[in-house]
């Protein structure tokens, strides 16, 4: 799989948050991968396995991942899901 695109420090910070939340996704048979962190503070992830196309995954991203990123990363502007 391709390495995430963007500032290495920001990528590491986002990956740390993803690692903490990953067990919740894996418990439901899915996973997520960081695609990019852009210079404007937007984080893009892709969904895999059972998470891909699942409506609950969107709620999990908005309800769990996005608030965590906002709380931990002062530069974070928003979350995008790769098509």
C-alpha atoms as a PDB file:
ATOM      1  CA  UNK A   1       0.000   0.000   0.000  1.00  0.00           C
ATOM      2  CA  UNK A   2       1.163   3.511  -0.739  1.00  0.00           C
ATOM      3  CA  UNK A   3       2.577   5.724   1.974  1.00  0.00           C
ATOM      4  CA  UNK A   4       0.390   8.655   3.047  1.00  0.00           C
ATOM      5  CA  UNK A   5       1.056  11.967   1.334  1.00  0.00           C
ATOM      6  CA  UNK A   6       1.862  15.130   3.296  1.00  0.00           C
ATOM      7  CA  UNK A   7       3.988  16.547   6.084  1.00  0.00           C
ATOM      8  CA  UNK A   8       5.692  13.636   7.930  1.00  0.00           C
ATOM      9  CA  UNK A   9       5.120  15.166  11.363  1.00  0.00           C
ATOM     10  CA  UNK A  10       1.409  15.631  10.739  1.00  0.00           C
ATOM     11  CA  UNK A  11       1.137  12.144   9.257  1.00  0.00           C
ATOM     12  CA  UNK A  12       2.730  10.660  12.391  1.00  0.00           C
ATOM     13  CA  UNK A  13       0.328  12.602  14.628  1.00  0.00           C
ATOM     14  CA  UNK A  14      -2.722  11.413  12.672  1.00  0.00           C
ATOM     15  CA  UNK A  15      -1.446   7.821  12.560  1.00  0.00           C
ATOM     16  CA  UNK A  16      -1.148   7.846  16.369  1.00  0.00           C
ATOM     17  CA  UNK A  17      -4.840   8.755  16.670  1.00  0.00           C
ATOM     18  CA  UNK A  18      -5.823   6.152  14.041  1.00  0.00           C
ATOM     19  CA  UNK A  19      -3.892   3.453  15.904  1.00  0.00           C
ATOM     20  CA  UNK A  20      -5.844   4.195  19.079  1.00  0.00           C
ATOM     21  CA  UNK A  21      -9.196   3.973  17.286  1.00  0.00           C
ATOM     22  CA  UNK A  22      -8.316   1.128  14.905  1.00  0.00           C
ATOM     23  CA  UNK A  23      -9.470  -1.673  17.302  1.00  0.00           C
ATOM     24  CA  UNK A  24     -13.035  -0.288  17.099  1.00  0.00           C
ATOM     25  CA  UNK A  25     -12.991  -0.553  13.307  1.00  0.00           C
ATOM     26  CA  UNK A  26     -11.349  -3.989  13.314  1.00  0.00           C
ATOM     27  CA  UNK A  27     -13.966  -5.255  15.796  1.00  0.00           C
ATOM     28  CA  UNK A  28     -16.562  -4.571  13.093  1.00  0.00           C
ATOM     29  CA  UNK A  29     -14.482  -6.248  10.369  1.00  0.00           C
ATOM     30  CA  UNK A  30     -13.166  -3.078   8.801  1.00  0.00           C
ATOM     31  CA  UNK A  31     -10.186  -0.797   8.750  1.00  0.00           C
ATOM     32  CA  UNK A  32      -9.105   2.649   7.633  1.00  0.00           C
ATOM     33  CA  UNK A  33      -5.950   3.963   6.029  1.00  0.00           C
ATOM     34  CA  UNK A  34      -4.522   7.449   6.011  1.00  0.00           C
ATOM     35  CA  UNK A  35      -4.308   8.721   2.432  1.00  0.00           C
ATOM     36  CA  UNK A  36      -3.086  12.275   2.857  1.00  0.00           C
ATOM     37  CA  UNK A  37      -2.738  15.278   5.120  1.00  0.00           C
ATOM     38  CA  UNK A  38      -2.878  18.477   3.099  1.00  0.00           C
ATOM     39  CA  UNK A  39      -1.281  21.841   3.855  1.00  0.00           C
ATOM     40  CA  UNK A  40      -4.669  23.296   4.844  1.00  0.00           C
ATOM     41  CA  UNK A  41      -5.157  20.844   7.715  1.00  0.00           C
ATOM     42  CA  UNK A  42      -7.515  18.400   6.031  1.00  0.00           C
ATOM     43  CA  UNK A  43      -7.038  14.692   6.693  1.00  0.00           C
ATOM     44  CA  UNK A  44      -8.155  12.138   4.101  1.00  0.00           C
ATOM     45  CA  UNK A  45      -8.721   8.490   4.977  1.00  0.00           C
ATOM     46  CA  UNK A  46      -9.906   5.501   2.963  1.00  0.00           C
ATOM     47  CA  UNK A  47     -12.163   2.793   4.359  1.00  0.00           C
ATOM     48  CA  UNK A  48     -11.569  -0.916   3.847  1.00  0.00           C
ATOM     49  CA  UNK A  49     -13.250  -4.225   4.562  1.00  0.00           C
ATOM     50  CA  UNK A  50     -16.638  -4.021   6.216  1.00  0.00           C
ATOM     51  CA  UNK A  51     -16.219  -0.259   6.697  1.00  0.00           C
ATOM     52  CA  UNK A  52     -16.230   0.443   2.959  1.00  0.00           C
ATOM     53  CA  UNK A  53     -19.700   1.669   2.038  1.00  0.00           C
ATOM     54  CA  UNK A  54     -21.101   1.098   5.531  1.00  0.00           C
ATOM     55  CA  UNK A  55     -23.271   3.946   6.845  1.00  0.00           C
ATOM     56  CA  UNK A  56     -22.163   3.304  10.426  1.00  0.00           C
ATOM     57  CA  UNK A  57     -18.550   3.893   9.447  1.00  0.00           C
ATOM     58  CA  UNK A  58     -19.407   7.475   8.474  1.00  0.00           C
ATOM     59  CA  UNK A  59     -20.955   7.966  11.906  1.00  0.00           C
ATOM     60  CA  UNK A  60     -17.880   6.454  13.541  1.00  0.00           C
ATOM     61  CA  UNK A  61     -15.601   8.766  11.581  1.00  0.00           C
ATOM     62  CA  UNK A  62     -17.662  11.849  12.399  1.00  0.00           C
ATOM     63  CA  UNK A  63     -18.425  10.782  15.953  1.00  0.00           C
ATOM     64  CA  UNK A  64     -15.098   9.300  17.023  1.00  0.00           C
ATOM     65  CA  UNK A  65     -12.227  10.056  14.680  1.00  0.00           C
ATOM     66  CA  UNK A  66     -13.002  13.665  13.812  1.00  0.00           C
ATOM     67  CA  UNK A  67     -13.422  14.865  17.438  1.00  0.00           C
ATOM     68  CA  UNK A  68     -10.233  13.053  18.474  1.00  0.00           C
ATOM     69  CA  UNK A  69      -8.248  14.691  15.678  1.00  0.00           C
ATOM     70  CA  UNK A  70      -9.745  18.087  16.549  1.00  0.00           C
ATOM     71  CA  UNK A  71      -8.912  17.650  20.234  1.00  0.00           C
ATOM     72  CA  UNK A  72      -5.324  16.509  19.687  1.00  0.00           C
ATOM     73  CA  UNK A  73      -4.154  18.438  16.626  1.00  0.00           C
ATOM     74  CA  UNK A  74      -4.375  22.230  16.732  1.00  0.00           C
ATOM     75  CA  UNK A  75      -3.877  22.429  12.952  1.00  0.00           C
ATOM     76  CA  UNK A  76      -6.721  20.027  12.085  1.00  0.00           C
ATOM     77  CA  UNK A  77      -9.442  21.554   9.870  1.00  0.00           C
ATOM     78  CA  UNK A  78     -11.542  18.643   8.717  1.00  0.00           C
ATOM     79  CA  UNK A  79     -11.895  15.019   7.679  1.00  0.00           C
ATOM     80  CA  UNK A  80     -12.444  13.674   4.178  1.00  0.00           C
ATOM     81  CA  UNK A  81     -13.154  10.129   3.061  1.00  0.00           C
ATOM     82  CA  UNK A  82     -11.460   9.023  -0.158  1.00  0.00           C
ATOM     83  CA  UNK A  83     -13.820   7.784  -2.874  1.00  0.00           C
END
